[in-house]
Protein backbone atom coordinates (compact mmCIF):
# COMPACT_ATOMS: atom_id res chain seq x y z
CA UNK A 1 153.24 102.78 45.55
CA UNK A 2 152.27 102.34 41.90
CA UNK A 3 152.09 98.78 40.60
CA UNK A 4 151.44 97.33 37.16
CA UNK A 5 149.86 93.89 37.44
CA UNK A 6 149.26 91.18 34.85
CA UNK A 7 146.44 88.66 35.15
CA UNK A 8 146.69 85.39 33.23
CA UNK A 9 143.95 83.76 31.19
CA UNK A 10 142.99 81.02 33.65
CA UNK A 11 142.65 83.61 36.41
CA UNK A 12 140.60 85.90 34.14
CA UNK A 13 138.13 83.05 33.58
CA UNK A 14 137.61 83.05 37.36
CA UNK A 15 137.05 86.79 37.59
CA UNK A 16 135.06 86.55 40.81
CA UNK A 17 138.25 85.35 42.50
CA UNK A 18 140.26 88.08 40.77
CA UNK A 19 137.88 90.71 42.15
CA UNK A 20 137.86 89.30 45.67
CA UNK A 21 141.53 88.35 45.94
CA UNK A 22 143.29 91.01 43.88
CA UNK A 23 141.26 94.07 42.95
CA UNK A 24 138.77 94.73 45.74
CA UNK A 25 140.85 93.46 48.65
CA UNK A 26 143.78 95.90 48.22
CA UNK A 27 141.32 98.76 47.69
CA UNK A 28 139.82 98.13 51.13
CA UNK A 29 143.28 98.02 52.70
CA UNK A 30 144.97 101.03 51.12
CA UNK A 31 142.03 103.29 50.38
CA UNK A 32 143.29 104.31 46.94
CA UNK A 33 143.90 102.89 43.51
CA UNK A 34 147.43 103.31 42.10
CA UNK A 35 147.27 99.99 40.25
CA UNK A 36 147.18 99.18 36.56
CA UNK A 37 145.99 95.78 35.35
CA UNK A 38 147.10 94.26 32.05
CA UNK A 39 144.78 91.38 31.23
CA UNK A 40 145.08 88.27 29.09
CA UNK A 41 142.27 86.76 27.08
CA UNK A 42 140.00 84.31 28.85
CA UNK A 43 141.24 80.73 29.05
CA UNK A 44 141.55 79.05 25.61
CA UNK A 45 140.34 82.06 23.59
CA UNK A 46 143.75 82.79 22.03
CA UNK A 47 144.13 79.06 21.32
CA UNK A 48 140.88 79.20 19.33
CA UNK A 49 142.01 82.33 17.49
CA UNK A 50 145.57 81.24 16.62
CA UNK A 51 146.49 77.69 17.58
CA UNK A 52 146.73 75.73 20.82
CA UNK A 53 149.87 76.89 22.60
CA UNK A 54 150.87 73.37 23.68
CA UNK A 55 149.27 70.90 21.25
CA UNK A 56 149.53 73.22 18.19
CA UNK A 57 145.96 72.32 17.20
CA UNK A 58 145.11 74.93 14.51
CA UNK A 59 142.68 77.75 15.11
CA UNK A 60 141.08 80.41 12.91
CA UNK A 61 144.46 81.74 11.80
CA UNK A 62 145.26 78.51 9.96
CA UNK A 63 141.88 78.64 8.24
CA UNK A 64 142.75 82.11 6.97
CA UNK A 65 146.14 80.83 5.78
CA UNK A 66 144.49 77.89 3.99
CA UNK A 67 141.71 80.11 2.57
CA UNK A 68 139.01 77.90 4.05
CA UNK A 69 135.82 79.20 5.66
CA UNK A 70 137.32 81.42 8.35
CA UNK A 71 134.24 83.70 8.26
CA UNK A 72 132.05 80.89 9.54
CA UNK A 73 134.69 80.00 12.13
CA UNK A 74 134.70 83.62 13.32
CA UNK A 75 130.95 83.58 13.87
CA UNK A 76 131.17 80.23 15.68
CA UNK A 77 133.81 81.75 17.93
CA UNK A 78 131.54 84.72 18.57
CA UNK A 79 128.96 82.30 19.97
CA UNK A 80 131.63 80.94 22.33
CA UNK A 81 132.62 84.42 23.47
CA UNK A 82 129.00 85.35 24.16
CA UNK A 83 128.68 82.11 26.14
CA UNK A 84 131.66 83.26 28.22
CA UNK A 85 129.80 86.52 28.87
CA UNK A 86 126.96 84.51 30.42
CA UNK A 87 129.33 83.08 33.05
CA UNK A 88 129.84 86.58 34.48
CA UNK A 89 126.21 87.69 34.69
CA UNK A 90 125.99 86.90 38.42
CA UNK A 91 128.92 89.19 39.26
CA UNK A 92 127.60 92.21 37.42
CA UNK A 93 128.46 91.99 33.70
CA UNK A 94 125.89 93.90 31.64
CA UNK A 95 125.06 91.23 29.09
CA UNK A 96 123.67 93.54 26.41
CA UNK A 97 126.67 95.89 26.46
CA UNK A 98 129.16 93.02 26.59
CA UNK A 99 127.50 91.20 23.69
CA UNK A 100 127.32 94.37 21.61
CA UNK A 101 130.98 95.13 22.18
CA UNK A 102 132.37 91.72 21.24
CA UNK A 103 129.94 91.35 18.32
CA UNK A 104 131.09 94.69 16.92
CA UNK A 105 134.75 93.81 17.41
CA UNK A 106 134.35 90.42 15.72
CA UNK A 107 132.48 91.89 12.74
CA UNK A 108 135.17 94.55 12.39
CA UNK A 109 137.93 91.94 12.57
CA UNK A 110 136.15 89.79 9.99
CA UNK A 111 135.96 92.76 7.61
CA UNK A 112 139.68 93.45 8.09
CA UNK A 113 140.50 89.81 7.33
CA UNK A 114 138.31 89.83 4.23
CA UNK A 115 140.13 92.93 2.98
CA UNK A 116 143.49 91.27 3.62
CA UNK A 117 142.33 88.16 1.77
CA UNK A 118 141.34 90.28 -1.24
CA UNK A 119 144.73 92.00 -1.28
CA UNK A 120 146.51 88.67 -0.87
CA UNK A 121 144.60 87.20 -3.80
CA UNK A 122 145.98 89.87 -6.16
CA UNK A 123 149.51 88.45 -5.86
CA UNK A 124 150.99 91.96 -5.73
CA UNK A 125 152.00 91.91 -2.05
CA UNK A 126 154.33 89.97 0.19
CA UNK A 127 152.32 86.99 1.43
CA UNK A 128 154.16 86.75 4.75
CA UNK A 129 153.44 90.36 5.67
CA UNK A 130 149.72 89.88 5.03
CA UNK A 131 149.65 86.72 7.15
CA UNK A 132 151.46 88.51 9.97
CA UNK A 133 148.88 91.31 9.81
CA UNK A 134 146.08 88.73 10.04
CA UNK A 135 147.75 87.17 13.05
CA UNK A 136 147.98 90.58 14.74
CA UNK A 137 144.27 91.26 14.15
CA UNK A 138 143.18 87.88 15.51
CA UNK A 139 145.49 88.12 18.53
CA UNK A 140 143.94 91.36 19.72
CA UNK A 141 140.36 90.08 19.98
CA UNK A 142 140.65 88.04 23.16
CA UNK A 143 142.29 90.75 25.25
CA UNK A 144 139.82 93.40 24.09
CA UNK A 145 136.97 91.08 25.12
CA UNK A 146 138.28 90.41 28.62
CA UNK A 147 139.38 94.00 29.29
CA UNK A 148 136.03 95.51 28.26
CA UNK A 149 134.13 93.00 30.37
CA UNK A 150 136.37 93.63 33.38
CA UNK A 151 135.77 97.38 33.29
CA UNK A 152 132.02 96.81 32.97
CA UNK A 153 131.93 94.38 35.91
CA UNK A 154 134.03 96.63 38.13
CA UNK A 155 131.87 99.67 37.31
CA UNK A 156 128.75 97.74 38.25
CA UNK A 157 130.44 96.87 41.56
CA UNK A 158 131.14 100.55 42.38
CA UNK A 159 134.82 100.46 41.44
CA UNK A 160 135.91 103.13 38.99
CA UNK A 161 137.85 101.57 36.13
CA UNK A 162 139.04 102.80 32.73
CA UNK A 163 139.19 100.67 29.58
CA UNK A 164 142.63 101.20 27.99
CA UNK A 165 142.26 99.65 24.53
CA UNK A 166 145.72 99.40 22.95
CA UNK A 167 144.43 97.30 20.03
CA UNK A 168 144.05 100.32 17.75
CA UNK A 169 140.98 98.94 15.98
CA UNK A 170 139.31 102.31 15.67
CA UNK A 171 142.23 104.41 14.53
CA UNK A 172 144.68 104.53 11.66
CA UNK A 173 147.47 106.21 13.62
CA UNK A 174 150.94 105.09 12.58
CA UNK A 175 152.36 104.63 16.09
CA UNK A 176 155.04 102.37 17.49
CA UNK A 177 154.16 100.19 20.47
CA UNK A 178 155.94 102.57 22.86
CA UNK A 179 154.26 105.61 21.33
CA UNK A 180 150.80 104.06 21.61
CA UNK A 181 151.36 103.15 25.26
CA UNK A 182 152.73 106.62 26.04
CA UNK A 183 149.72 108.31 24.45
CA UNK A 184 147.22 106.02 26.21
CA UNK A 185 148.55 106.73 29.70
CA UNK A 186 149.41 110.40 29.26
CA UNK A 187 146.32 111.81 30.99
CA UNK A 188 145.17 109.04 33.35
CA UNK A 189 145.00 109.80 37.07
CA UNK A 190 145.98 106.51 38.72
CA UNK A 191 144.74 107.68 42.11
CA UNK A 192 141.10 107.85 41.00
CA UNK A 193 140.63 105.01 38.53
CA UNK A 194 141.98 101.53 37.83
CA UNK A 195 143.15 101.22 34.21
CA UNK A 196 142.31 97.83 32.71
CA UNK A 197 144.66 97.38 29.76
CA UNK A 198 144.48 95.02 26.79
CA UNK A 199 147.42 92.61 26.76
CA UNK A 200 147.75 93.19 23.02
CA UNK A 201 149.24 96.45 21.71
CA UNK A 202 149.07 97.53 18.08
CA UNK A 203 152.32 99.00 16.78
CA UNK A 204 154.10 99.66 13.51
CA UNK A 205 156.74 97.04 14.33
CA UNK A 206 154.14 94.33 15.01
CA UNK A 207 154.20 92.89 18.51
CA UNK A 208 153.67 89.34 17.21
CA UNK A 209 156.66 89.42 14.88
CA UNK A 210 159.23 89.09 17.65
CA UNK A 211 157.28 87.86 20.65
CA UNK A 212 154.37 85.89 19.18
CA UNK A 213 152.36 84.39 22.08
CA UNK A 214 154.43 86.32 24.63
CA UNK A 215 152.90 89.63 23.51
CA UNK A 216 150.81 90.28 26.63
CA UNK A 217 153.95 90.16 28.76
CA UNK A 218 155.59 92.66 26.41
CA UNK A 219 152.69 95.07 26.93
CA UNK A 220 152.85 94.48 30.68
CA UNK A 221 156.56 95.29 30.87
CA UNK A 222 156.39 98.30 28.56
CA UNK A 223 153.50 99.78 30.55
CA UNK A 224 155.45 99.31 33.79
CA UNK A 225 158.48 101.11 32.35
CA UNK A 226 156.32 103.89 30.85
CA UNK A 227 154.61 104.75 34.15
CA UNK A 228 157.78 104.13 36.23
CA UNK A 229 156.06 101.50 38.36
CA UNK A 230 157.44 100.68 41.78
CA UNK A 231 156.78 96.99 41.18
CA UNK A 232 155.49 94.73 38.41
CA UNK A 233 153.23 91.93 39.63
CA UNK A 234 152.21 88.79 37.74
CA UNK A 235 149.19 86.88 39.06
CA UNK A 236 149.28 83.20 38.13
CA UNK A 237 147.31 80.13 39.08
CA UNK A 238 150.23 78.73 41.07
CA UNK A 239 153.29 79.75 43.05
CA UNK A 240 156.78 79.80 41.57
CA UNK A 241 157.89 76.74 43.50
CA UNK A 242 160.84 74.42 44.03
CA UNK A 243 159.28 71.91 41.60
CA UNK A 244 156.07 71.19 39.73
CA UNK A 245 153.45 70.22 42.37
CA UNK A 246 151.78 67.96 39.81
CA UNK A 247 154.96 65.85 39.85
CA UNK A 248 156.34 66.10 43.39
CA UNK A 249 153.09 66.74 45.25
CA UNK A 250 151.74 69.95 46.77
CA UNK A 251 153.25 69.16 50.19
CA UNK A 252 156.78 68.95 48.72
CA UNK A 253 156.52 71.86 46.30
CA UNK A 254 158.03 74.76 48.25
CA UNK A 255 157.21 78.35 47.16
CA UNK A 256 160.34 80.33 46.25
CA UNK A 257 160.52 83.59 48.18
CA UNK A 258 163.24 85.38 46.23
CA UNK A 259 165.26 84.89 43.06
CA UNK A 260 166.91 86.97 40.34
CA UNK A 261 166.44 87.68 36.65
CA UNK A 262 169.24 85.30 35.67
CA UNK A 263 167.44 82.33 37.23
CA UNK A 264 164.16 83.48 35.63
CA UNK A 265 165.94 83.42 32.24
CA UNK A 266 167.21 79.90 32.90
CA UNK A 267 163.65 78.76 33.66
CA UNK A 268 162.37 80.32 30.45
CA UNK A 269 165.07 78.52 28.47
CA UNK A 270 163.52 75.16 29.40
CA UNK A 271 159.97 76.34 28.79
CA UNK A 272 159.02 77.14 32.39
CA UNK A 273 158.48 80.85 31.96
CA UNK A 274 158.00 83.02 35.00
CA UNK A 275 158.04 85.76 32.36
CA UNK A 276 159.14 85.94 28.73
CA UNK A 277 162.90 86.68 28.94
CA UNK A 278 162.88 89.25 26.13
CA UNK A 279 159.87 90.97 27.64
CA UNK A 280 161.45 91.22 31.08
CA UNK A 281 164.66 92.92 29.95
CA UNK A 282 163.23 96.48 30.03
CA UNK A 283 162.14 95.87 33.63
CA UNK A 284 165.54 94.47 34.57
CA UNK A 285 167.33 97.43 32.99
CA UNK A 286 164.96 99.91 34.67
CA UNK A 287 165.47 98.30 38.08
CA UNK A 288 161.78 97.37 38.43
CA UNK A 289 161.32 94.17 40.42
CA UNK A 290 158.81 91.51 39.41
CA UNK A 291 156.61 89.75 41.93
CA UNK A 292 154.94 86.43 41.03
CA UNK A 293 151.77 85.85 43.07
CA UNK A 294 149.19 83.08 43.30
CA UNK A 295 145.75 84.46 42.47
CA UNK A 296 144.09 82.05 44.87
CA UNK A 297 146.41 82.72 47.85
CA UNK A 298 146.31 86.52 48.01
CA UNK A 299 147.90 86.82 51.47
CA UNK A 300 151.05 84.98 50.38
CA UNK A 301 153.83 87.45 49.42
CA UNK A 302 154.80 85.35 46.39
CA UNK A 303 158.21 85.40 44.69
CA UNK A 304 160.20 88.60 44.26
CA UNK A 305 162.50 88.63 41.21
CA UNK A 306 165.18 91.31 41.40
CA UNK A 307 168.35 92.13 39.53
CA UNK A 308 171.02 91.49 42.16
CA UNK A 309 169.48 89.03 44.61
CA UNK A 310 171.77 86.24 45.82
CA UNK A 311 170.58 83.88 48.53
CA UNK A 312 172.41 84.05 51.84
CA UNK A 313 172.46 80.27 52.10
CA UNK A 314 174.04 78.20 49.35
CA UNK A 315 171.32 75.89 48.09
CA UNK A 316 169.32 74.77 45.09
CA UNK A 317 166.06 76.74 44.93
CA UNK A 318 164.27 75.27 41.90
CA UNK A 319 164.17 71.93 40.08
CA UNK A 320 162.82 72.22 36.56
CA UNK A 321 163.18 70.69 33.12
CA UNK A 322 161.38 69.14 30.19
CA UNK A 323 160.92 65.78 28.50
CA UNK A 324 160.18 67.37 25.12
CA UNK A 325 163.77 67.59 23.86
CA UNK A 326 166.15 65.73 21.54
CA UNK A 327 169.90 65.20 21.81
CA UNK A 328 171.92 65.50 18.60
CA UNK A 329 175.52 64.33 18.83
CA UNK A 330 178.12 64.99 16.12
CA UNK A 331 181.07 62.58 16.38
CA UNK A 332 184.13 62.89 14.16
CA UNK A 333 187.63 61.44 14.81
CA UNK A 334 189.05 64.37 12.81
CA UNK A 335 187.40 67.01 15.03
CA UNK A 336 190.18 67.18 17.62
CA UNK A 337 192.19 70.40 17.41
CA UNK A 338 190.18 71.88 14.55
CA UNK A 339 189.43 75.56 15.13
CA UNK A 340 185.86 76.62 14.34
CA UNK A 341 184.46 73.11 13.96
CA UNK A 342 181.33 73.87 16.00
CA UNK A 343 180.80 77.11 14.06
CA UNK A 344 180.20 75.06 10.91
CA UNK A 345 177.63 72.95 12.77
CA UNK A 346 175.84 76.05 14.00
CA UNK A 347 175.67 77.42 10.45
CA UNK A 348 173.51 74.43 9.52
CA UNK A 349 171.38 74.84 12.67
CA UNK A 350 170.87 78.51 11.81
CA UNK A 351 169.58 77.63 8.33
CA UNK A 352 166.70 75.80 10.00
CA UNK A 353 166.20 78.44 12.72
CA UNK A 354 167.11 75.95 15.44
CA UNK A 355 168.65 77.02 18.75
CA UNK A 356 170.12 74.70 21.36
CA UNK A 357 169.33 74.58 25.08
CA UNK A 358 172.45 72.66 26.16
CA UNK A 359 175.84 72.05 24.59
CA UNK A 360 178.51 69.59 25.80
CA UNK A 361 181.78 68.79 24.05
CA UNK A 362 184.88 66.62 24.17
CA UNK A 363 187.78 66.06 21.76
CA UNK A 364 185.74 64.24 19.10
CA UNK A 365 182.08 64.90 19.92
CA UNK A 366 179.65 67.77 20.28
CA UNK A 367 176.25 67.10 21.87
CA UNK A 368 173.44 69.65 21.57
CA UNK A 369 169.97 69.43 23.07
CA UNK A 370 167.14 71.10 21.12
CA UNK A 371 163.38 71.25 21.37
CA UNK A 372 161.71 68.21 19.82
CA UNK A 373 159.33 70.43 17.85
CA UNK A 374 162.34 72.07 16.14
CA UNK A 375 163.75 68.78 14.87
CA UNK A 376 163.28 68.19 11.16
CA UNK A 377 164.43 65.45 8.81
CA UNK A 378 166.19 67.90 6.47
CA UNK A 379 168.36 69.21 9.31
CA UNK A 380 169.49 65.70 10.25
CA UNK A 381 170.06 64.76 6.61
CA UNK A 382 172.27 67.83 6.09
CA UNK A 383 174.28 66.97 9.19
CA UNK A 384 174.72 63.34 8.12
CA UNK A 385 175.93 64.34 4.67
CA UNK A 386 178.65 66.53 6.18
CA UNK A 387 179.75 64.71 9.35
CA UNK A 388 181.20 61.30 10.16
CA UNK A 389 178.56 60.13 12.65
CA UNK A 390 175.30 61.80 13.77
CA UNK A 391 173.24 60.35 16.61
CA UNK A 392 169.72 61.56 17.39
CA UNK A 393 168.09 60.49 20.65
CA UNK A 394 164.88 61.50 22.48
CA UNK A 395 165.87 62.61 25.98
CA UNK A 396 164.79 64.65 28.98
CA UNK A 397 166.53 67.60 30.59
CA UNK A 398 166.46 68.27 34.33
CA UNK A 399 167.91 71.44 35.84
CA UNK A 400 168.90 72.44 39.35
CA UNK A 401 168.79 76.22 39.71
CA UNK A 402 169.69 78.72 42.37
CA UNK A 403 171.11 82.18 42.96
CA UNK A 404 173.88 80.79 45.20
CA UNK A 405 174.92 77.28 44.17
CA UNK A 406 178.58 77.97 43.32
CA UNK A 407 179.77 75.95 46.31
CA UNK A 408 181.56 72.58 46.66
CA UNK A 409 179.27 69.61 47.14
CA UNK A 410 176.05 70.69 45.42
CA UNK A 411 176.90 69.07 42.07
CA UNK A 412 178.05 65.88 43.79
CA UNK A 413 174.88 65.76 45.89
CA UNK A 414 172.74 66.12 42.76
CA UNK A 415 174.56 63.38 40.82
CA UNK A 416 174.53 61.11 43.89
CA UNK A 417 170.75 61.53 44.23
CA UNK A 418 170.32 60.52 40.59
CA UNK A 419 172.78 57.60 40.83
CA UNK A 420 171.19 56.27 44.03
CA UNK A 421 167.90 56.03 42.14
CA UNK A 422 169.44 54.30 39.10
CA UNK A 423 169.14 57.39 36.87
CA UNK A 424 172.04 57.64 34.43
CA UNK A 425 173.35 61.02 33.26
CA UNK A 426 173.93 60.99 29.48
CA UNK A 427 175.40 64.52 29.38
CA UNK A 428 175.66 67.54 31.65
CA UNK A 429 176.46 71.25 31.52
CA UNK A 430 177.34 73.98 34.01
CA UNK A 431 178.77 77.42 33.24
CA UNK A 432 181.11 79.52 35.38
CA UNK A 433 178.14 81.56 36.63
CA UNK A 434 176.85 78.36 38.27
CA UNK A 435 173.18 79.23 38.51
CA UNK A 436 172.04 76.18 36.53
CA UNK A 437 173.25 72.58 36.49
CA UNK A 438 171.70 70.72 33.52
CA UNK A 439 171.48 66.93 33.29
CA UNK A 440 170.50 65.02 30.15
CA UNK A 441 168.75 61.77 31.11
CA UNK A 442 166.42 59.13 29.70
CA UNK A 443 162.87 60.34 29.10
CA UNK A 444 161.54 57.43 31.11
CA UNK A 445 163.36 58.79 34.18
CA UNK A 446 162.14 62.39 33.90
CA UNK A 447 159.42 62.48 36.57
CA UNK A 448 161.46 60.34 38.97
CA UNK A 449 164.47 62.65 38.52
CA UNK A 450 162.40 65.75 39.37
CA UNK A 451 161.13 64.05 42.53
CA UNK A 452 164.49 62.76 43.80
CA UNK A 453 166.31 66.03 43.10
CA UNK A 454 163.58 68.07 44.79
CA UNK A 455 163.69 65.77 47.83
CA UNK A 456 167.49 65.77 48.03
CA UNK A 457 168.25 69.41 47.26
CA UNK A 458 165.17 71.48 48.13
CA UNK A 459 163.02 69.71 50.72
CA UNK A 460 165.97 68.69 52.90
CA UNK A 461 167.29 72.27 52.92
CA UNK A 462 163.98 74.03 53.40
């Protein structure tokens, strides 16, 4: 059985556990390799290179954009990366080789950025294309660092591994992402070596252009499709569970054994990605299942995501949501009966590249929930100029998800649980597919809502 496995940044920073729980343990059991590992950068490295994924605190990329001293910032980051190397000395990382590799890669990247800055300064080129190229270069550094180190550590622990560097730093080949992956794996014998693959892939189309910070999952999925993997495995620092253990408690957060790609897409839509939905589509189309595993509980089978799975028992499997959203309601007494009214609203949303998560309508009102970070004053001003009444309200969104919840009583049980705990529903949405019931509530009630819904719909039915 050939598997392609992705290891996240937090897990990579605890590489001793990765070796013991993931890499070396299966080798002892099965006696052969037949596994490919796509690795992320160490924890926080990509945040330092680009910007913090959650807080948006700027990194080196913004210094390049602003034409401030990004060269000095690059050398300061190099010191941090060498400090990370020191944390792996006890498990076999050759410090001299590791330092030489990342120093060379950083110097090379700095030279590329300086050349881009010179071209940008001429004013003869499209600024956005140059900035995208800079973002691609910076993105690749972290994954190259962690992949090289991993191969070195494994080799020094008598495990044969091959460094598959998809960053393309040392070639000028004009290859697409798929072509580069195909070429890299063409002559590798998976039965005698473990390929350790950079999560970043250089390609003519630019992997950051469409996927941005989801690029490592794109590489992971494309590699799995290329080698016709039997299963794609994602190792995370937690189980895919009925609800966030940090909110409901570890004892009431129940690992989900099975789900399908549709539910995984619903999770991604509210920011709780099991996997980037665009990245996973090639796997879904190829019929390759995804398994989500907890790095630190290697004997647990994890969650299997497949195309056609539907639970035998009708029940809610996952409670999720976010308190980082805004509700925008358009109210107009003249709306009733007008064909295409919401299309005009969406034209304005499209101008500001804003997509909605939830939409609820009645005769005279349309409510849309969007990410708070996407809200801008110009968007609201444009809406208020055109429409009779526009209301903007900070809210939270809680979702009850499952592969088999299209049964009488589940919606009523969810709303009763909220009502019994004095949580008012401002708006709600459920499609005919009935895999996701979405409730718009007050932000102040968000954590309480997650707890009461998990207790009422998941814990009681476990």
